[in-house]
PDB file of all heavy atoms in Angstrom:
ATOM      1  N   GLY A   1    -206.252 -30.396-124.740  1.00  0.00           N
ATOM      2  CA  GLY A   1    -206.738 -29.035-124.642  1.00  0.00           C
ATOM      3  C   GLY A   1    -207.730 -28.689-125.737  1.00  0.00           C
ATOM      4  O   GLY A   1    -207.965 -29.468-126.652  1.00  0.00           O
ATOM      5  N   PRO A   2    -208.321 -27.490-125.672  1.00  0.00           N
ATOM      6  CA  PRO A   2    -209.310 -27.071-126.662  1.00  0.00           C
ATOM      7  C   PRO A   2    -208.669 -26.509-127.924  1.00  0.00           C
ATOM      8  O   PRO A   2    -207.520 -26.057-127.907  1.00  0.00           O
ATOM      9  CB  PRO A   2    -210.096 -25.988-125.917  1.00  0.00           C
ATOM     10  CG  PRO A   2    -209.067 -25.391-124.994  1.00  0.00           C
ATOM     11  CD  PRO A   2    -208.179 -26.521-124.570  1.00  0.00           C
ATOM     12  N   GLY A   3    -209.456 -26.529-129.023  1.00  0.00           N
ATOM     13  CA  GLY A   3    -208.986 -25.957-130.283  1.00  0.00           C
ATOM     14  C   GLY A   3    -210.126 -25.391-131.106  1.00  0.00           C
ATOM     15  O   GLY A   3    -211.244 -25.936-131.092  1.00  0.00           O
ATOM     16  N   LEU A   4    -209.862 -24.302-131.797  1.00  0.00           N
ATOM     17  CA  LEU A   4    -210.852 -23.640-132.646  1.00  0.00           C
ATOM     18  C   LEU A   4    -210.276 -23.441-134.039  1.00  0.00           C
ATOM     19  O   LEU A   4    -209.163 -22.922-134.187  1.00  0.00           O
ATOM     20  CB  LEU A   4    -211.242 -22.285-132.051  1.00  0.00           C
ATOM     21  CG  LEU A   4    -212.129 -21.371-132.913  1.00  0.00           C
ATOM     22  CD1 LEU A   4    -213.508 -22.008-133.110  1.00  0.00           C
ATOM     23  CD2 LEU A   4    -212.257 -19.993-132.278  1.00  0.00           C
ATOM     24  N   ASN A   5    -211.008 -23.870-135.061  1.00  0.00           N
ATOM     25  CA  ASN A   5    -210.607 -23.683-136.455  1.00  0.00           C
ATOM     26  C   ASN A   5    -211.662 -22.871-137.197  1.00  0.00           C
ATOM     27  O   ASN A   5    -212.866 -23.113-137.035  1.00  0.00           O
ATOM     28  CB  ASN A   5    -210.440 -25.023-137.165  1.00  0.00           C
ATOM     29  CG  ASN A   5    -209.090 -25.657-136.906  1.00  0.00           C
ATOM     30  OD1 ASN A   5    -208.404 -25.312-135.952  1.00  0.00           O
ATOM     31  ND2 ASN A   5    -208.707 -26.594-137.754  1.00  0.00           N
ATOM     32  N   LEU A   6    -211.226 -21.932-138.034  1.00  0.00           N
ATOM     33  CA  LEU A   6    -212.113 -21.167-138.904  1.00  0.00           C
ATOM     34  C   LEU A   6    -211.719 -21.422-140.348  1.00  0.00           C
ATOM     35  O   LEU A   6    -210.529 -21.388-140.693  1.00  0.00           O
ATOM     36  CB  LEU A   6    -212.021 -19.676-138.578  1.00  0.00           C
ATOM     37  CG  LEU A   6    -212.357 -19.271-137.135  1.00  0.00           C
ATOM     38  CD1 LEU A   6    -212.216 -17.764-136.966  1.00  0.00           C
ATOM     39  CD2 LEU A   6    -213.754 -19.733-136.739  1.00  0.00           C
ATOM     40  N   TYR A   7    -212.725 -21.662-141.215  1.00  0.00           N
ATOM     41  CA  TYR A   7    -212.467 -22.035-142.603  1.00  0.00           C
ATOM     42  C   TYR A   7    -213.082 -21.013-143.559  1.00  0.00           C
ATOM     43  O   TYR A   7    -214.081 -20.367-143.247  1.00  0.00           O
ATOM     44  CB  TYR A   7    -213.070 -23.414-142.908  1.00  0.00           C
ATOM     45  CG  TYR A   7    -212.540 -24.523-142.027  1.00  0.00           C
ATOM     46  CD1 TYR A   7    -213.115 -24.777-140.783  1.00  0.00           C
ATOM     47  CD2 TYR A   7    -211.487 -25.319-142.445  1.00  0.00           C
ATOM     48  CE1 TYR A   7    -212.638 -25.793-139.971  1.00  0.00           C
ATOM     49  CE2 TYR A   7    -211.009 -26.340-141.646  1.00  0.00           C
ATOM     50  CZ  TYR A   7    -211.585 -26.575-140.406  1.00  0.00           C
ATOM     51  OH  TYR A   7    -211.116 -27.574-139.604  1.00  0.00           O
ATOM     52  N   ASP A   8    -212.492 -20.946-144.759  1.00  0.00           N
ATOM     53  CA  ASP A   8    -213.078 -20.093-145.786  1.00  0.00           C
ATOM     54  C   ASP A   8    -214.108 -20.894-146.577  1.00  0.00           C
ATOM     55  O   ASP A   8    -214.383 -22.060-146.274  1.00  0.00           O
ATOM     56  CB  ASP A   8    -211.994 -19.505-146.697  1.00  0.00           C
ATOM     57  CG  ASP A   8    -211.199 -20.572-147.438  1.00  0.00           C
ATOM     58  OD1 ASP A   8    -211.681 -21.726-147.562  1.00  0.00           O
ATOM     59  OD2 ASP A   8    -210.084 -20.258-147.896  1.00  0.00           O
ATOM     60  N   GLU A   9    -214.679 -20.292-147.615  1.00  0.00           N
ATOM     61  CA  GLU A   9    -215.747 -20.936-148.385  1.00  0.00           C
ATOM     62  C   GLU A   9    -215.256 -22.137-149.187  1.00  0.00           C
ATOM     63  O   GLU A   9    -216.064 -22.927-149.677  1.00  0.00           O
ATOM     64  CB  GLU A   9    -216.392 -19.920-149.324  1.00  0.00           C
ATOM     65  CG  GLU A   9    -215.424 -19.280-150.296  1.00  0.00           C
ATOM     66  CD  GLU A   9    -216.064 -18.201-151.124  1.00  0.00           C
ATOM     67  OE1 GLU A   9    -217.241 -17.886-150.851  1.00  0.00           O
ATOM     68  OE2 GLU A   9    -215.408 -17.673-152.034  1.00  0.00           O
ATOM     69  N   ASN A  10    -213.933 -22.278-149.333  1.00  0.00           N
ATOM     70  CA  ASN A  10    -213.354 -23.407-150.061  1.00  0.00           C
ATOM     71  C   ASN A  10    -212.930 -24.539-149.130  1.00  0.00           C
ATOM     72  O   ASN A  10    -212.353 -25.527-149.582  1.00  0.00           O
ATOM     73  CB  ASN A  10    -212.150 -22.947-150.882  1.00  0.00           C
ATOM     74  CG  ASN A  10    -212.529 -21.951-151.953  1.00  0.00           C
ATOM     75  OD1 ASN A  10    -213.534 -22.134-152.652  1.00  0.00           O
ATOM     76  ND2 ASN A  10    -211.756 -20.892-152.090  1.00  0.00           N
ATOM     77  N   GLY A  11    -213.221 -24.393-147.840  1.00  0.00           N
ATOM     78  CA  GLY A  11    -212.883 -25.435-146.881  1.00  0.00           C
ATOM     79  C   GLY A  11    -211.460 -25.387-146.382  1.00  0.00           C
ATOM     80  O   GLY A  11    -211.003 -26.334-145.726  1.00  0.00           O
ATOM     81  N   LYS A  12    -210.731 -24.302-146.664  1.00  0.00           N
ATOM     82  CA  LYS A  12    -209.357 -24.149-146.213  1.00  0.00           C
ATOM     83  C   LYS A  12    -209.328 -23.521-144.822  1.00  0.00           C
ATOM     84  O   LYS A  12    -210.023 -22.530-144.569  1.00  0.00           O
ATOM     85  CB  LYS A  12    -208.560 -23.283-147.179  1.00  0.00           C
ATOM     86  CG  LYS A  12    -208.447 -23.847-148.590  1.00  0.00           C
ATOM     87  CD  LYS A  12    -207.561 -25.089-148.609  1.00  0.00           C
ATOM     88  CE  LYS A  12    -207.365 -25.580-150.044  1.00  0.00           C
ATOM     89  NZ  LYS A  12    -206.482 -26.770-150.088  1.00  0.00           N
ATOM     90  N   ALA A  13    -208.509 -24.096-143.931  1.00  0.00           N
ATOM     91  CA  ALA A  13    -208.362 -23.529-142.594  1.00  0.00           C
ATOM     92  C   ALA A  13    -207.608 -22.215-142.692  1.00  0.00           C
ATOM     93  O   ALA A  13    -206.488 -22.162-143.209  1.00  0.00           O
ATOM     94  CB  ALA A  13    -207.622 -24.506-141.691  1.00  0.00           C
ATOM     95  N   ARG A  14    -208.201 -21.128-142.212  1.00  0.00           N
ATOM     96  CA  ARG A  14    -207.578 -19.810-142.302  1.00  0.00           C
ATOM     97  C   ARG A  14    -207.126 -19.283-140.946  1.00  0.00           C
ATOM     98  O   ARG A  14    -206.287 -18.391-140.861  1.00  0.00           O
ATOM     99  CB  ARG A  14    -208.556 -18.816-142.947  1.00  0.00           C
ATOM    100  CG  ARG A  14    -209.039 -19.236-144.334  1.00  0.00           C
ATOM    101  CD  ARG A  14    -207.877 -19.332-145.319  1.00  0.00           C
ATOM    102  NE  ARG A  14    -207.261 -18.047-145.532  1.00  0.00           N
ATOM    103  CZ  ARG A  14    -207.666 -17.152-146.437  1.00  0.00           C
ATOM    104  NH1 ARG A  14    -208.693 -17.442-147.201  1.00  0.00           N
ATOM    105  NH2 ARG A  14    -207.046 -16.011-146.566  1.00  0.00           N
ATOM    106  N   ALA A  15    -207.716 -19.827-139.873  1.00  0.00           N
ATOM    107  CA  ALA A  15    -207.323 -19.413-138.535  1.00  0.00           C
ATOM    108  C   ALA A  15    -207.442 -20.599-137.586  1.00  0.00           C
ATOM    109  O   ALA A  15    -208.439 -21.326-137.614  1.00  0.00           O
ATOM    110  CB  ALA A  15    -208.183 -18.261-138.037  1.00  0.00           C
ATOM    111  N   ILE A  16    -206.385 -20.826-136.778  1.00  0.00           N
ATOM    112  CA  ILE A  16    -206.352 -21.916-135.812  1.00  0.00           C
ATOM    113  C   ILE A  16    -205.931 -21.364-134.458  1.00  0.00           C
ATOM    114  O   ILE A  16    -204.913 -20.687-134.348  1.00  0.00           O
ATOM    115  CB  ILE A  16    -205.373 -23.026-136.244  1.00  0.00           C
ATOM    116  CG1 ILE A  16    -205.830 -23.677-137.545  1.00  0.00           C
ATOM    117  CG2 ILE A  16    -205.249 -24.082-135.146  1.00  0.00           C
ATOM    118  CD1 ILE A  16    -204.881 -24.751-138.054  1.00  0.00           C
ATOM    119  N   LEU A  17    -206.741 -21.646-133.463  1.00  0.00           N
ATOM    120  CA  LEU A  17    -206.434 -21.244-132.092  1.00  0.00           C
ATOM    121  C   LEU A  17    -206.580 -22.468-131.199  1.00  0.00           C
ATOM    122  O   LEU A  17    -207.624 -23.109-131.206  1.00  0.00           O
ATOM    123  CB  LEU A  17    -207.381 -20.147-131.618  1.00  0.00           C
ATOM    124  CG  LEU A  17    -207.290 -19.747-130.140  1.00  0.00           C
ATOM    125  CD1 LEU A  17    -205.928 -19.139-129.829  1.00  0.00           C
ATOM    126  CD2 LEU A  17    -208.407 -18.776-129.779  1.00  0.00           C
ATOM    127  N   ASN A  18    -205.514 -22.809-130.473  1.00  0.00           N
ATOM    128  CA  ASN A  18    -205.624 -23.938-129.570  1.00  0.00           C
ATOM    129  C   ASN A  18    -204.755 -23.735-128.340  1.00  0.00           C
ATOM    130  O   ASN A  18    -203.855 -22.886-128.312  1.00  0.00           O
ATOM    131  CB  ASN A  18    -205.253 -25.248-130.271  1.00  0.00           C
ATOM    132  CG  ASN A  18    -203.752 -25.406-130.437  1.00  0.00           C
ATOM    133  OD1 ASN A  18    -203.174 -24.856-131.369  1.00  0.00           O
ATOM    134  ND2 ASN A  18    -203.116 -26.146-129.547  1.00  0.00           N
ATOM    135  N   LEU A  19    -205.051 -24.520-127.314  1.00  0.00           N
ATOM    136  CA  LEU A  19    -204.331 -24.440-126.056  1.00  0.00           C
ATOM    137  C   LEU A  19    -203.970 -25.840-125.612  1.00  0.00           C
ATOM    138  O   LEU A  19    -204.845 -26.691-125.453  1.00  0.00           O
ATOM    139  CB  LEU A  19    -205.196 -23.751-124.992  1.00  0.00           C
ATOM    140  CG  LEU A  19    -204.610 -23.670-123.582  1.00  0.00           C
ATOM    141  CD1 LEU A  19    -203.359 -22.808-123.574  1.00  0.00           C
ATOM    142  CD2 LEU A  19    -205.660 -23.123-122.615  1.00  0.00           C
ATOM    143  N   ASP A  20    -202.665 -26.114-125.424  1.00  0.00           N
ATOM    144  CA  ASP A  20    -202.214 -27.402-124.921  1.00  0.00           C
ATOM    145  C   ASP A  20    -201.269 -27.186-123.748  1.00  0.00           C
ATOM    146  O   ASP A  20    -201.156 -26.072-123.225  1.00  0.00           O
ATOM    147  CB  ASP A  20    -201.570 -28.229-126.032  1.00  0.00           C
ATOM    148  CG  ASP A  20    -200.397 -27.512-126.705  1.00  0.00           C
ATOM    149  OD1 ASP A  20    -199.791 -26.614-126.073  1.00  0.00           O
ATOM    150  OD2 ASP A  20    -200.075 -27.854-127.848  1.00  0.00           O
ATOM    151  N   LYS A  21    -200.564 -28.246-123.353  1.00  0.00           N
ATOM    152  CA  LYS A  21    -199.696 -28.152-122.175  1.00  0.00           C
ATOM    153  C   LYS A  21    -198.542 -27.170-122.375  1.00  0.00           C
ATOM    154  O   LYS A  21    -197.962 -26.681-121.401  1.00  0.00           O
ATOM    155  CB  LYS A  21    -199.137 -29.526-121.838  1.00  0.00           C
ATOM    156  CG  LYS A  21    -198.282 -30.138-122.951  1.00  0.00           C
ATOM    157  CD  LYS A  21    -197.788 -31.511-122.548  1.00  0.00           C
ATOM    158  CE  LYS A  21    -196.937 -32.113-123.667  1.00  0.00           C
ATOM    159  NZ  LYS A  21    -196.412 -33.453-123.283  1.00  0.00           N
ATOM    160  N   ASP A  22    -198.203 -26.884-123.628  1.00  0.00           N
ATOM    161  CA  ASP A  22    -197.121 -25.945-123.910  1.00  0.00           C
ATOM    162  C   ASP A  22    -197.594 -24.503-123.959  1.00  0.00           C
ATOM    163  O   ASP A  22    -196.788 -23.587-124.104  1.00  0.00           O
ATOM    164  CB  ASP A  22    -196.433 -26.305-125.229  1.00  0.00           C
ATOM    165  CG  ASP A  22    -195.772 -27.676-125.173  1.00  0.00           C
ATOM    166  OD1 ASP A  22    -195.248 -28.019-124.096  1.00  0.00           O
ATOM    167  OD2 ASP A  22    -195.793 -28.396-126.188  1.00  0.00           O
ATOM    168  N   GLY A  23    -198.935 -24.291-123.873  1.00  0.00           N
ATOM    169  CA  GLY A  23    -199.473 -22.950-123.905  1.00  0.00           C
ATOM    170  C   GLY A  23    -200.349 -22.696-125.111  1.00  0.00           C
ATOM    171  O   GLY A  23    -200.603 -23.600-125.917  1.00  0.00           O
ATOM    172  N   PRO A  24    -200.819 -21.467-125.292  1.00  0.00           N
ATOM    173  CA  PRO A  24    -201.701 -21.135-126.419  1.00  0.00           C
ATOM    174  C   PRO A  24    -200.928 -20.970-127.721  1.00  0.00           C
ATOM    175  O   PRO A  24    -199.737 -20.651-127.728  1.00  0.00           O
ATOM    176  CB  PRO A  24    -202.331 -19.815-125.977  1.00  0.00           C
ATOM    177  CG  PRO A  24    -201.287 -19.188-125.105  1.00  0.00           C
ATOM    178  CD  PRO A  24    -200.627 -20.320-124.376  1.00  0.00           C
ATOM    179  N   MET A  25    -201.633 -21.204-128.842  1.00  0.00           N
ATOM    180  CA  MET A  25    -201.066 -21.008-130.164  1.00  0.00           C
ATOM    181  C   MET A  25    -202.127 -20.434-131.091  1.00  0.00           C
ATOM    182  O   MET A  25    -203.266 -20.894-131.094  1.00  0.00           O
ATOM    183  CB  MET A  25    -200.540 -22.331-130.743  1.00  0.00           C
ATOM    184  CG  MET A  25    -199.719 -22.166-132.040  1.00  0.00           C
ATOM    185  SD  MET A  25    -200.707 -21.944-133.551  1.00  0.00           S
ATOM    186  CE  MET A  25    -201.493 -23.542-133.685  1.00  0.00           C
ATOM    187  N   LEU A  26    -201.759 -19.426-131.861  1.00  0.00           N
ATOM    188  CA  LEU A  26    -202.651 -18.807-132.828  1.00  0.00           C
ATOM    189  C   LEU A  26    -201.941 -18.744-134.171  1.00  0.00           C
ATOM    190  O   LEU A  26    -200.802 -18.273-134.261  1.00  0.00           O
ATOM    191  CB  LEU A  26    -203.041 -17.392-132.391  1.00  0.00           C
ATOM    192  CG  LEU A  26    -203.860 -16.568-133.389  1.00  0.00           C
ATOM    193  CD1 LEU A  26    -205.199 -17.254-133.665  1.00  0.00           C
ATOM    194  CD2 LEU A  26    -204.075 -15.152-132.868  1.00  0.00           C
TER     195      LEU A  26
END
């Protein structure tokens, strides 16, 4: 499935959104 990651200026993942067979996750 698809996935979206957003990072801050230090390269840390601050938001993750993805969709797999079990459903969406934020």
